[in-house]
Amino acid sequence: MAVFPAKKFRGAADTNTFAVRYRALMARHPFLMFGLPFMSIIVAGSFVLTPATAVRYEKHDRRVRQMTREEELGVGKTGRRVNIKDEYYRLAAKDIDNWEQKRVKRLPGEHDGVL
């Protein structure tokens, strides 16, 4: 049986291309030709993306801010001052023991759940 040589045959046209030279250098120095550029791109990308994310969070902080209690009460349409005693007497004045259960009206064609 014939023994195949370990060195691959490359034609004269392929010897001067960038890909062939890069592949040969990569076989000799894999970290310098692949690992170092890859890691440097990762590190440089983190430095480039840090200001972009900072801008994003600053924009979010401008939009969302802490509200005071007075502003919270004024947000709704009927923003009135709440007093716990008034709320207690308002609820006590209602007859909460006399109530009737009513079904919600369904949209036309919607299943009502009745068997």
PDB file of N, CA and C in Angstrom:
ATOM      1  N   MET A   1       0.824  -1.183   0.000  1.00  0.00           N
ATOM      2  CA  MET A   1       0.000   0.000   0.000  1.00  0.00           C
ATOM      3  C   MET A   1       0.866   1.243   0.000  1.00  0.00           C
ATOM      4  N   ALA A   2       0.368   2.233  -0.635  1.00  0.00           N
ATOM      5  CA  ALA A   2       1.100   3.492  -0.718  1.00  0.00           C
ATOM      6  C   ALA A   2       0.816   4.340   0.519  1.00  0.00           C
ATOM      7  N   VAL A   3       1.800   5.050   0.948  1.00  0.00           N
ATOM      8  CA  VAL A   3       1.645   5.951   2.092  1.00  0.00           C
ATOM      9  C   VAL A   3       1.369   7.344   1.547  1.00  0.00           C
ATOM     10  N   PHE A   4       0.285   7.961   2.066  1.00  0.00           N
ATOM     11  CA  PHE A   4      -0.057   9.303   1.605  1.00  0.00           C
ATOM     12  C   PHE A   4       0.750  10.328   2.384  1.00  0.00           C
ATOM     13  N   PRO A   5       1.266  11.311   1.701  1.00  0.00           N
ATOM     14  CA  PRO A   5       2.072  12.319   2.403  1.00  0.00           C
ATOM     15  C   PRO A   5       1.171  13.221   3.275  1.00  0.00           C
ATOM     16  N   ALA A   6       1.721  13.692   4.397  1.00  0.00           N
ATOM     17  CA  ALA A   6       0.970  14.552   5.302  1.00  0.00           C
ATOM     18  C   ALA A   6       0.817  15.956   4.736  1.00  0.00           C
ATOM     19  N   LYS A   7       1.732  16.344   3.881  1.00  0.00           N
ATOM     20  CA  LYS A   7       1.677  17.680   3.318  1.00  0.00           C
ATOM     21  C   LYS A   7       0.730  17.669   2.125  1.00  0.00           C
ATOM     22  N   LYS A   8      -0.255  18.588   2.154  1.00  0.00           N
ATOM     23  CA  LYS A   8      -1.237  18.627   1.080  1.00  0.00           C
ATOM     24  C   LYS A   8      -0.673  19.330  -0.146  1.00  0.00           C
ATOM     25  N   PHE A   9      -1.139  18.900  -1.300  1.00  0.00           N
ATOM     26  CA  PHE A   9      -0.700  19.526  -2.547  1.00  0.00           C
ATOM     27  C   PHE A   9      -1.501  20.802  -2.776  1.00  0.00           C
ATOM     28  N   ARG A  10      -0.768  21.881  -3.014  1.00  0.00           N
ATOM     29  CA  ARG A  10      -1.417  23.144  -3.339  1.00  0.00           C
ATOM     30  C   ARG A  10      -0.831  23.605  -4.674  1.00  0.00           C
ATOM     31  N   GLY A  11      -1.712  23.999  -5.555  1.00  0.00           N
ATOM     32  CA  GLY A  11      -1.259  24.443  -6.872  1.00  0.00           C
ATOM     33  C   GLY A  11      -0.543  25.777  -6.796  1.00  0.00           C
ATOM     34  N   ALA A  12       0.086  26.157  -7.892  1.00  0.00           N
ATOM     35  CA  ALA A  12       0.847  27.409  -7.937  1.00  0.00           C
ATOM     36  C   ALA A  12      -0.072  28.617  -7.814  1.00  0.00           C
ATOM     37  N   ALA A  13      -1.324  28.506  -8.252  1.00  0.00           N
ATOM     38  CA  ALA A  13      -2.248  29.638  -8.194  1.00  0.00           C
ATOM     39  C   ALA A  13      -2.698  29.915  -6.772  1.00  0.00           C
ATOM     40  N   ASP A  14      -2.725  28.886  -5.931  1.00  0.00           N
ATOM     41  CA  ASP A  14      -3.222  29.059  -4.568  1.00  0.00           C
ATOM     42  C   ASP A  14      -2.151  29.461  -3.558  1.00  0.00           C
ATOM     43  N   THR A  15      -0.915  29.459  -3.932  1.00  0.00           N
ATOM     44  CA  THR A  15       0.151  29.675  -2.950  1.00  0.00           C
ATOM     45  C   THR A  15       0.216  31.111  -2.446  1.00  0.00           C
ATOM     46  N   ASN A  16      -0.223  32.076  -3.215  1.00  0.00           N
ATOM     47  CA  ASN A  16      -0.072  33.476  -2.808  1.00  0.00           C
ATOM     48  C   ASN A  16      -1.382  34.108  -2.339  1.00  0.00           C
ATOM     49  N   THR A  17      -2.414  33.349  -2.136  1.00  0.00           N
ATOM     50  CA  THR A  17      -3.670  33.957  -1.691  1.00  0.00           C
ATOM     51  C   THR A  17      -3.611  34.202  -0.177  1.00  0.00           C
ATOM     52  N   PHE A  18      -4.429  35.139   0.260  1.00  0.00           N
ATOM     53  CA  PHE A  18      -4.478  35.504   1.679  1.00  0.00           C
ATOM     54  C   PHE A  18      -4.943  34.331   2.542  1.00  0.00           C
ATOM     55  N   ALA A  19      -5.944  33.593   2.042  1.00  0.00           N
ATOM     56  CA  ALA A  19      -6.505  32.487   2.819  1.00  0.00           C
ATOM     57  C   ALA A  19      -5.461  31.406   3.075  1.00  0.00           C
ATOM     58  N   VAL A  20      -4.653  31.098   2.094  1.00  0.00           N
ATOM     59  CA  VAL A  20      -3.648  30.049   2.256  1.00  0.00           C
ATOM     60  C   VAL A  20      -2.575  30.505   3.245  1.00  0.00           C
ATOM     61  N   ARG A  21      -2.133  31.757   3.113  1.00  0.00           N
ATOM     62  CA  ARG A  21      -1.123  32.271   4.043  1.00  0.00           C
ATOM     63  C   ARG A  21      -1.672  32.323   5.468  1.00  0.00           C
ATOM     64  N   TYR A  22      -2.924  32.729   5.605  1.00  0.00           N
ATOM     65  CA  TYR A  22      -3.542  32.818   6.939  1.00  0.00           C
ATOM     66  C   TYR A  22      -3.695  31.426   7.558  1.00  0.00           C
ATOM     67  N   ARG A  23      -4.099  30.453   6.738  1.00  0.00           N
ATOM     68  CA  ARG A  23      -4.252  29.088   7.245  1.00  0.00           C
ATOM     69  C   ARG A  23      -2.908  28.513   7.705  1.00  0.00           C
ATOM     70  N   ALA A  24      -1.862  28.830   6.978  1.00  0.00           N
ATOM     71  CA  ALA A  24      -0.536  28.335   7.358  1.00  0.00           C
ATOM     72  C   ALA A  24      -0.065  28.993   8.659  1.00  0.00           C
ATOM     73  N   LEU A  25      -0.304  30.308   8.792  1.00  0.00           N
ATOM     74  CA  LEU A  25       0.064  30.993  10.022  1.00  0.00           C
ATOM     75  C   LEU A  25      -0.785  30.513  11.196  1.00  0.00           C
ATOM     76  N   MET A  26      -2.029  30.210  10.928  1.00  0.00           N
ATOM     77  CA  MET A  26      -2.936  29.728  11.971  1.00  0.00           C
ATOM     78  C   MET A  26      -2.494  28.372  12.484  1.00  0.00           C
ATOM     79  N   ALA A  27      -1.974  27.543  11.612  1.00  0.00           N
ATOM     80  CA  ALA A  27      -1.489  26.226  12.031  1.00  0.00           C
ATOM     81  C   ALA A  27      -0.267  26.375  12.938  1.00  0.00           C
ATOM     82  N   ARG A  28       0.560  27.398  12.673  1.00  0.00           N
ATOM     83  CA  ARG A  28       1.763  27.593  13.474  1.00  0.00           C
ATOM     84  C   ARG A  28       1.503  28.352  14.772  1.00  0.00           C
ATOM     85  N   HIS A  29       0.632  29.386  14.698  1.00  0.00           N
ATOM     86  CA  HIS A  29       0.358  30.253  15.860  1.00  0.00           C
ATOM     87  C   HIS A  29      -1.160  30.440  16.021  1.00  0.00           C
ATOM     88  N   PRO A  30      -1.843  29.467  16.568  1.00  0.00           N
ATOM     89  CA  PRO A  30      -3.303  29.579  16.627  1.00  0.00           C
ATOM     90  C   PRO A  30      -3.802  30.686  17.556  1.00  0.00           C
ATOM     91  N   PHE A  31      -3.130  30.923  18.689  1.00  0.00           N
ATOM     92  CA  PHE A  31      -3.611  31.961  19.590  1.00  0.00           C
ATOM     93  C   PHE A  31      -3.436  33.347  18.992  1.00  0.00           C
ATOM     94  N   LEU A  32      -2.276  33.596  18.366  1.00  0.00           N
ATOM     95  CA  LEU A  32      -2.037  34.924  17.797  1.00  0.00           C
ATOM     96  C   LEU A  32      -2.942  35.222  16.600  1.00  0.00           C
ATOM     97  N   MET A  33      -3.274  34.226  15.836  1.00  0.00           N
ATOM     98  CA  MET A  33      -4.058  34.446  14.629  1.00  0.00           C
ATOM     99  C   MET A  33      -5.571  34.349  14.849  1.00  0.00           C
ATOM    100  N   PHE A  34      -5.996  33.652  15.900  1.00  0.00           N
ATOM    101  CA  PHE A  34      -7.439  33.524  16.132  1.00  0.00           C
ATOM    102  C   PHE A  34      -7.841  34.002  17.526  1.00  0.00           C
ATOM    103  N   GLY A  35      -7.189  33.508  18.562  1.00  0.00           N
ATOM    104  CA  GLY A  35      -7.591  33.797  19.934  1.00  0.00           C
ATOM    105  C   GLY A  35      -7.435  35.259  20.315  1.00  0.00           C
ATOM    106  N   LEU A  36      -6.293  35.859  20.000  1.00  0.00           N
ATOM    107  CA  LEU A  36      -6.042  37.249  20.358  1.00  0.00           C
ATOM    108  C   LEU A  36      -6.994  38.209  19.640  1.00  0.00           C
ATOM    109  N   PRO A  37      -7.195  38.083  18.320  1.00  0.00           N
ATOM    110  CA  PRO A  37      -8.176  38.973  17.680  1.00  0.00           C
ATOM    111  C   PRO A  37      -9.599  38.783  18.222  1.00  0.00           C
ATOM    112  N   PHE A  38      -9.956  37.542  18.512  1.00  0.00           N
ATOM    113  CA  PHE A  38     -11.297  37.275  19.040  1.00  0.00           C
ATOM    114  C   PHE A  38     -11.487  37.935  20.400  1.00  0.00           C
ATOM    115  N   MET A  39     -10.516  37.761  21.286  1.00  0.00           N
ATOM    116  CA  MET A  39     -10.623  38.360  22.617  1.00  0.00           C
ATOM    117  C   MET A  39     -10.571  39.876  22.551  1.00  0.00           C
ATOM    118  N   SER A  40      -9.767  40.434  21.657  1.00  0.00           N
ATOM    119  CA  SER A  40      -9.696  41.890  21.544  1.00  0.00           C
ATOM    120  C   SER A  40     -11.004  42.470  21.007  1.00  0.00           C
ATOM    121  N   ILE A  41     -11.678  41.758  20.124  1.00  0.00           N
ATOM    122  CA  ILE A  41     -12.979  42.224  19.629  1.00  0.00           C
ATOM    123  C   ILE A  41     -14.005  42.197  20.759  1.00  0.00           C
ATOM    124  N   ILE A  42     -13.975  41.173  21.596  1.00  0.00           N
ATOM    125  CA  ILE A  42     -14.898  41.085  22.726  1.00  0.00           C
ATOM    126  C   ILE A  42     -14.666  42.245  23.694  1.00  0.00           C
ATOM    127  N   VAL A  43     -13.413  42.521  24.034  1.00  0.00           N
ATOM    128  CA  VAL A  43     -13.098  43.603  24.972  1.00  0.00           C
ATOM    129  C   VAL A  43     -13.435  44.958  24.367  1.00  0.00           C
ATOM    130  N   ALA A  44     -13.073  45.180  23.119  1.00  0.00           N
ATOM    131  CA  ALA A  44     -13.388  46.455  22.470  1.00  0.00           C
ATOM    132  C   ALA A  44     -14.894  46.647  22.353  1.00  0.00           C
ATOM    133  N   GLY A  45     -15.615  45.578  22.081  1.00  0.00           N
ATOM    134  CA  GLY A  45     -17.070  45.672  22.004  1.00  0.00           C
ATOM    135  C   GLY A  45     -17.689  46.079  23.322  1.00  0.00           C
ATOM    136  N   SER A  46     -17.148  45.577  24.422  1.00  0.00           N
ATOM    137  CA  SER A  46     -17.694  45.975  25.722  1.00  0.00           C
ATOM    138  C   SER A  46     -17.451  47.454  25.985  1.00  0.00           C
ATOM    139  N   PHE A  47     -16.287  47.970  25.571  1.00  0.00           N
ATOM    140  CA  PHE A  47     -16.023  49.401  25.742  1.00  0.00           C
ATOM    141  C   PHE A  47     -16.907  50.249  24.839  1.00  0.00           C
ATOM    142  N   VAL A  48     -17.233  49.760  23.676  1.00  0.00           N
ATOM    143  CA  VAL A  48     -18.089  50.520  22.753  1.00  0.00           C
ATOM    144  C   VAL A  48     -19.539  50.483  23.223  1.00  0.00           C
ATOM    145  N   LEU A  49     -19.993  49.339  23.734  1.00  0.00           N
ATOM    146  CA  LEU A  49     -21.395  49.209  24.120  1.00  0.00           C
ATOM    147  C   LEU A  49     -21.715  49.815  25.480  1.00  0.00           C
ATOM    148  N   THR A  50     -20.722  50.042  26.328  1.00  0.00           N
ATOM    149  CA  THR A  50     -20.981  50.614  27.648  1.00  0.00           C
ATOM    150  C   THR A  50     -21.641  51.989  27.569  1.00  0.00           C
ATOM    151  N   PRO A  51     -21.155  52.937  26.760  1.00  0.00           N
ATOM    152  CA  PRO A  51     -21.858  54.233  26.673  1.00  0.00           C
ATOM    153  C   PRO A  51     -23.269  54.102  26.086  1.00  0.00           C
ATOM    154  N   ALA A  52     -23.449  53.160  25.184  1.00  0.00           N
ATOM    155  CA  ALA A  52     -24.782  52.984  24.595  1.00  0.00           C
ATOM    156  C   ALA A  52     -25.776  52.511  25.644  1.00  0.00           C
ATOM    157  N   THR A  53     -25.368  51.581  26.492  1.00  0.00           N
ATOM    158  CA  THR A  53     -26.284  51.122  27.534  1.00  0.00           C
ATOM    159  C   THR A  53     -26.489  52.198  28.582  1.00  0.00           C
ATOM    160  N   ALA A  54     -25.470  53.012  28.839  1.00  0.00           N
ATOM    161  CA  ALA A  54     -25.628  54.110  29.793  1.00  0.00           C
ATOM    162  C   ALA A  54     -26.664  55.101  29.294  1.00  0.00           C
ATOM    163  N   VAL A  55     -26.644  55.391  28.003  1.00  0.00           N
ATOM    164  CA  VAL A  55     -27.642  56.300  27.416  1.00  0.00           C
ATOM    165  C   VAL A  55     -29.032  55.707  27.563  1.00  0.00           C
ATOM    166  N   ARG A  56     -29.145  54.416  27.374  1.00  0.00           N
ATOM    167  CA  ARG A  56     -30.449  53.751  27.495  1.00  0.00           C
ATOM    168  C   ARG A  56     -31.004  53.889  28.905  1.00  0.00           C
ATOM    169  N   TYR A  57     -30.166  53.630  29.904  1.00  0.00           N
ATOM    170  CA  TYR A  57     -30.636  53.706  31.285  1.00  0.00           C
ATOM    171  C   TYR A  57     -30.888  55.151  31.721  1.00  0.00           C
ATOM    172  N   GLU A  58     -30.100  56.100  31.219  1.00  0.00           N
ATOM    173  CA  GLU A  58     -30.355  57.511  31.531  1.00  0.00           C
ATOM    174  C   GLU A  58     -31.684  57.952  30.958  1.00  0.00           C
ATOM    175  N   LYS A  59     -32.006  57.506  29.765  1.00  0.00           N
ATOM    176  CA  LYS A  59     -33.300  57.843  29.158  1.00  0.00           C
ATOM    177  C   LYS A  59     -34.435  57.242  29.989  1.00  0.00           C
ATOM    178  N   HIS A  60     -34.250  56.004  30.445  1.00  0.00           N
ATOM    179  CA  HIS A  60     -35.271  55.360  31.280  1.00  0.00           C
ATOM    180  C   HIS A  60     -35.440  56.115  32.601  1.00  0.00           C
ATOM    181  N   ASP A  61     -34.342  56.570  33.194  1.00  0.00           N
ATOM    182  CA  ASP A  61     -34.421  57.307  34.450  1.00  0.00           C
ATOM    183  C   ASP A  61     -35.098  58.654  34.283  1.00  0.00           C
ATOM    184  N   ARG A  62     -34.909  59.300  33.134  1.00  0.00           N
ATOM    185  CA  ARG A  62     -35.602  60.571  32.885  1.00  0.00           C
ATOM    186  C   ARG A  62     -37.094  60.364  32.769  1.00  0.00           C
ATOM    187  N   ARG A  63     -37.485  59.244  32.156  1.00  0.00           N
ATOM    188  CA  ARG A  63     -38.904  58.965  31.951  1.00  0.00           C
ATOM    189  C   ARG A  63     -39.583  58.523  33.240  1.00  0.00           C
ATOM    190  N   VAL A  64     -38.928  57.676  34.001  1.00  0.00           N
ATOM    191  CA  VAL A  64     -39.503  57.128  35.231  1.00  0.00           C
ATOM    192  C   VAL A  64     -38.811  57.797  36.407  1.00  0.00           C
ATOM    193  N   ARG A  65     -39.576  58.494  37.218  1.00  0.00           N
ATOM    194  CA  ARG A  65     -38.990  59.158  38.375  1.00  0.00           C
ATOM    195  C   ARG A  65     -39.877  58.933  39.587  1.00  0.00           C
ATOM    196  N   GLN A  66     -39.350  59.254  40.742  1.00  0.00           N
ATOM    197  CA  GLN A  66     -40.085  59.064  41.992  1.00  0.00           C
ATOM    198  C   GLN A  66     -41.202  60.102  42.085  1.00  0.00           C
ATOM    199  N   MET A  67     -42.383  59.654  42.468  1.00  0.00           N
ATOM    200  CA  MET A  67     -43.511  60.569  42.620  1.00  0.00           C
ATOM    201  C   MET A  67     -43.769  60.796  44.100  1.00  0.00           C
ATOM    202  N   THR A  68     -44.188  62.019  44.421  1.00  0.00           N
ATOM    203  CA  THR A  68     -44.561  62.287  45.799  1.00  0.00           C
ATOM    204  C   THR A  68     -45.966  61.752  46.039  1.00  0.00           C
ATOM    205  N   ARG A  69     -46.363  61.710  47.290  1.00  0.00           N
ATOM    206  CA  ARG A  69     -47.697  61.204  47.636  1.00  0.00           C
ATOM    207  C   ARG A  69     -48.784  62.097  47.030  1.00  0.00           C
ATOM    208  N   GLU A  70     -48.554  63.391  46.981  1.00  0.00           N
ATOM    209  CA  GLU A  70     -49.529  64.332  46.412  1.00  0.00           C
ATOM    210  C   GLU A  70     -49.697  64.082  44.912  1.00  0.00           C
ATOM    211  N   GLU A  71     -48.585  63.809  44.220  1.00  0.00           N
ATOM    212  CA  GLU A  71     -48.671  63.535  42.786  1.00  0.00           C
ATOM    213  C   GLU A  71     -49.387  62.215  42.522  1.00  0.00           C
ATOM    214  N   GLU A  72     -49.166  61.226  43.377  1.00  0.00           N
ATOM    215  CA  GLU A  72     -49.852  59.944  43.212  1.00  0.00           C
ATOM    216  C   GLU A  72     -51.357  60.115  43.315  1.00  0.00           C
ATOM    217  N   LEU A  73     -51.799  60.930  44.244  1.00  0.00           N
ATOM    218  CA  LEU A  73     -53.233  61.140  44.420  1.00  0.00           C
ATOM    219  C   LEU A  73     -53.824  61.924  43.250  1.00  0.00           C
ATOM    220  N   GLY A  74     -53.041  62.781  42.633  1.00  0.00           N
ATOM    221  CA  GLY A  74     -53.538  63.591  41.533  1.00  0.00           C
ATOM    222  C   GLY A  74     -53.501  62.900  40.191  1.00  0.00           C
ATOM    223  N   VAL A  75     -52.959  61.685  40.118  1.00  0.00           N
ATOM    224  CA  VAL A  75     -52.829  60.998  38.840  1.00  0.00           C
ATOM    225  C   VAL A  75     -54.180  60.570  38.294  1.00  0.00           C
ATOM    226  N   GLY A  76     -55.039  60.022  39.148  1.00  0.00           N
ATOM    227  CA  GLY A  76     -56.342  59.537  38.695  1.00  0.00           C
ATOM    228  C   GLY A  76     -57.277  60.679  38.337  1.00  0.00           C
ATOM    229  N   LYS A  77     -58.410  60.342  37.737  1.00  0.00           N
ATOM    230  CA  LYS A  77     -59.382  61.377  37.364  1.00  0.00           C
ATOM    231  C   LYS A  77     -60.035  61.989  38.598  1.00  0.00           C
ATOM    232  N   THR A  78     -60.317  61.154  39.569  1.00  0.00           N
ATOM    233  CA  THR A  78     -60.936  61.653  40.800  1.00  0.00           C
ATOM    234  C   THR A  78     -59.895  61.657  41.900  1.00  0.00           C
ATOM    235  N   GLY A  79     -58.835  62.399  41.697  1.00  0.00           N
ATOM    236  CA  GLY A  79     -57.780  62.446  42.692  1.00  0.00           C
ATOM    237  C   GLY A  79     -58.215  63.298  43.868  1.00  0.00           C
ATOM    238  N   ARG A  80     -58.618  62.672  44.927  1.00  0.00           N
ATOM    239  CA  ARG A  80     -59.044  63.405  46.115  1.00  0.00           C
ATOM    240  C   ARG A  80     -58.180  62.956  47.283  1.00  0.00           C
ATOM    241  N   ARG A  81     -58.132  63.778  48.289  1.00  0.00           N
ATOM    242  CA  ARG A  81     -57.365  63.428  49.480  1.00  0.00           C
ATOM    243  C   ARG A  81     -58.064  62.299  50.214  1.00  0.00           C
ATOM    244  N   VAL A  82     -57.304  61.331  50.662  1.00  0.00           N
ATOM    245  CA  VAL A  82     -57.865  60.159  51.316  1.00  0.00           C
ATOM    246  C   VAL A  82     -57.662  60.289  52.823  1.00  0.00           C
ATOM    247  N   ASN A  83     -58.764  60.102  53.532  1.00  0.00           N
ATOM    248  CA  ASN A  83     -58.719  60.088  54.987  1.00  0.00           C
ATOM    249  C   ASN A  83     -59.287  58.751  55.427  1.00  0.00           C
ATOM    250  N   ILE A  84     -58.605  58.039  56.290  1.00  0.00           N
ATOM    251  CA  ILE A  84     -59.025  56.690  56.650  1.00  0.00           C
ATOM    252  C   ILE A  84     -60.350  56.695  57.392  1.00  0.00           C
ATOM    253  N   LYS A  85     -60.604  57.721  58.194  1.00  0.00           N
ATOM    254  CA  LYS A  85     -61.881  57.791  58.914  1.00  0.00           C
ATOM    255  C   LYS A  85     -63.036  58.010  57.949  1.00  0.00           C
ATOM    256  N   ASP A  86     -62.833  58.891  56.989  1.00  0.00           N
ATOM    257  CA  ASP A  86     -63.897  59.133  55.998  1.00  0.00           C
ATOM    258  C   ASP A  86     -64.183  57.866  55.205  1.00  0.00           C
ATOM    259  N   GLU A  87     -63.149  57.136  54.849  1.00  0.00           N
ATOM    260  CA  GLU A  87     -63.346  55.903  54.090  1.00  0.00           C
ATOM    261  C   GLU A  87     -64.092  54.861  54.917  1.00  0.00           C
ATOM    262  N   TYR A  88     -63.785  54.789  56.194  1.00  0.00           N
ATOM    263  CA  TYR A  88     -64.472  53.833  57.063  1.00  0.00           C
ATOM    264  C   TYR A  88     -65.959  54.152  57.142  1.00  0.00           C
ATOM    265  N   TYR A  89     -66.319  55.412  57.369  1.00  0.00           N
ATOM    266  CA  TYR A  89     -67.729  55.785  57.485  1.00  0.00           C
ATOM    267  C   TYR A  89     -68.448  55.698  56.143  1.00  0.00           C
ATOM    268  N   ARG A  90     -67.731  55.938  55.047  1.00  0.00           N
ATOM    269  CA  ARG A  90     -68.340  55.779  53.720  1.00  0.00           C
ATOM    270  C   ARG A  90     -68.715  54.326  53.475  1.00  0.00           C
ATOM    271  N   LEU A  91     -67.827  53.402  53.857  1.00  0.00           N
ATOM    272  CA  LEU A  91     -68.083  51.986  53.678  1.00  0.00           C
ATOM    273  C   LEU A  91     -69.155  51.489  54.655  1.00  0.00           C
ATOM    274  N   ALA A  92     -69.162  52.027  55.882  1.00  0.00           N
ATOM    275  CA  ALA A  92     -70.152  51.620  56.870  1.00  0.00           C
ATOM    276  C   ALA A  92     -71.550  52.080  56.473  1.00  0.00           C
ATOM    277  N   ALA A  93     -71.673  53.143  55.733  1.00  0.00           N
ATOM    278  CA  ALA A  93     -72.979  53.658  55.327  1.00  0.00           C
ATOM    279  C   ALA A  93     -73.616  52.771  54.260  1.00  0.00           C
ATOM    280  N   LYS A  94     -72.810  52.018  53.530  1.00  0.00           N
ATOM    281  CA  LYS A  94     -73.351  51.135  52.503  1.00  0.00           C
ATOM    282  C   LYS A  94     -73.883  49.862  53.149  1.00  0.00           C
ATOM    283  N   ASP A  95     -74.907  49.302  52.561  1.00  0.00           N
ATOM    284  CA  ASP A  95     -75.473  48.045  53.050  1.00  0.00           C
ATOM    285  C   ASP A  95     -74.757  46.908  52.328  1.00  0.00           C
ATOM    286  N   ILE A  96     -73.711  46.361  52.948  1.00  0.00           N
ATOM    287  CA  ILE A  96     -72.910  45.342  52.269  1.00  0.00           C
ATOM    288  C   ILE A  96     -73.476  43.941  52.441  1.00  0.00           C
ATOM    289  N   ASP A  97     -74.516  43.783  53.277  1.00  0.00           N
ATOM    290  CA  ASP A  97     -75.112  42.462  53.466  1.00  0.00           C
ATOM    291  C   ASP A  97     -76.228  42.189  52.472  1.00  0.00           C
ATOM    292  N   ASN A  98     -76.763  43.214  51.848  1.00  0.00           N
ATOM    293  CA  ASN A  98     -77.873  43.063  50.910  1.00  0.00           C
ATOM    294  C   ASN A  98     -77.325  43.245  49.491  1.00  0.00           C
ATOM    295  N   TRP A  99     -77.002  42.140  48.832  1.00  0.00           N
ATOM    296  CA  TRP A  99     -76.472  42.219  47.483  1.00  0.00           C
ATOM    297  C   TRP A  99     -77.036  41.093  46.643  1.00  0.00           C
ATOM    298  N   GLU A 100     -76.918  41.265  45.353  1.00  0.00           N
ATOM    299  CA  GLU A 100     -77.454  40.287  44.412  1.00  0.00           C
ATOM    300  C   GLU A 100     -76.375  39.969  43.386  1.00  0.00           C
ATOM    301  N   GLN A 101     -76.204  38.679  43.107  1.00  0.00           N
ATOM    302  CA  GLN A 101     -75.193  38.274  42.132  1.00  0.00           C
ATOM    303  C   GLN A 101     -75.768  38.414  40.732  1.00  0.00           C
ATOM    304  N   LYS A 102     -75.034  39.074  39.834  1.00  0.00           N
ATOM    305  CA  LYS A 102     -75.487  39.278  38.457  1.00  0.00           C
ATOM    306  C   LYS A 102     -74.432  38.726  37.512  1.00  0.00           C
ATOM    307  N   ARG A 103     -74.892  38.115  36.413  1.00  0.00           N
ATOM    308  CA  ARG A 103     -73.974  37.607  35.398  1.00  0.00           C
ATOM    309  C   ARG A 103     -73.492  38.750  34.516  1.00  0.00           C
ATOM    310  N   VAL A 104     -72.280  38.631  34.081  1.00  0.00           N
ATOM    311  CA  VAL A 104     -71.726  39.620  33.167  1.00  0.00           C
ATOM    312  C   VAL A 104     -72.302  39.358  31.793  1.00  0.00           C
ATOM    313  N   LYS A 105     -72.748  40.427  31.125  1.00  0.00           N
ATOM    314  CA  LYS A 105     -73.302  40.266  29.781  1.00  0.00           C
ATOM    315  C   LYS A 105     -72.170  39.906  28.820  1.00  0.00           C
ATOM    316  N   ARG A 106     -72.389  38.853  28.025  1.00  0.00           N
ATOM    317  CA  ARG A 106     -71.366  38.362  27.098  1.00  0.00           C
ATOM    318  C   ARG A 106     -71.520  39.053  25.752  1.00  0.00           C
ATOM    319  N   LEU A 107     -70.432  39.077  25.003  1.00  0.00           N
ATOM    320  CA  LEU A 107     -70.469  39.608  23.649  1.00  0.00           C
ATOM    321  C   LEU A 107     -71.218  38.635  22.739  1.00  0.00           C
ATOM    322  N   PRO A 108     -71.805  39.121  21.652  1.00  0.00           N
ATOM    323  CA  PRO A 108     -72.505  38.214  20.743  1.00  0.00           C
ATOM    324  C   PRO A 108     -71.551  37.161  20.174  1.00  0.00           C
ATOM    325  N   GLY A 109     -71.974  35.899  20.248  1.00  0.00           N
ATOM    326  CA  GLY A 109     -71.168  34.804  19.725  1.00  0.00           C
ATOM    327  C   GLY A 109     -70.164  34.265  20.722  1.00  0.00           C
ATOM    328  N   GLU A 110     -70.013  34.887  21.873  1.00  0.00           N
ATOM    329  CA  GLU A 110     -69.073  34.416  22.878  1.00  0.00           C
ATOM    330  C   GLU A 110     -69.745  33.346  23.737  1.00  0.00           C
ATOM    331  N   HIS A 111     -68.990  32.302  24.078  1.00  0.00           N
ATOM    332  CA  HIS A 111     -69.533  31.218  24.887  1.00  0.00           C
ATOM    333  C   HIS A 111     -69.759  31.727  26.298  1.00  0.00           C
ATOM    334  N   ASP A 112     -70.942  31.465  26.856  1.00  0.00           N
ATOM    335  CA  ASP A 112     -71.265  32.006  28.174  1.00  0.00           C
ATOM    336  C   ASP A 112     -70.953  31.050  29.320  1.00  0.00           C
ATOM    337  N   GLY A 113     -70.542  29.837  29.051  1.00  0.00           N
ATOM    338  CA  GLY A 113     -70.146  28.910  30.087  1.00  0.00           C
ATOM    339  C   GLY A 113     -71.287  28.157  30.726  1.00  0.00           C
ATOM    340  N   VAL A 114     -72.505  28.353  30.241  1.00  0.00           N
ATOM    341  CA  VAL A 114     -73.661  27.639  30.798  1.00  0.00           C
ATOM    342  C   VAL A 114     -73.814  26.328  30.043  1.00  0.00           C
ATOM    343  N   LEU A 115     -73.971  25.236  30.783  1.00  0.00           N
ATOM    344  CA  LEU A 115     -74.118  23.933  30.140  1.00  0.00           C
ATOM    345  C   LEU A 115     -75.502  23.734  29.579  1.00  0.00           C
TER     346      LEU A 115
END
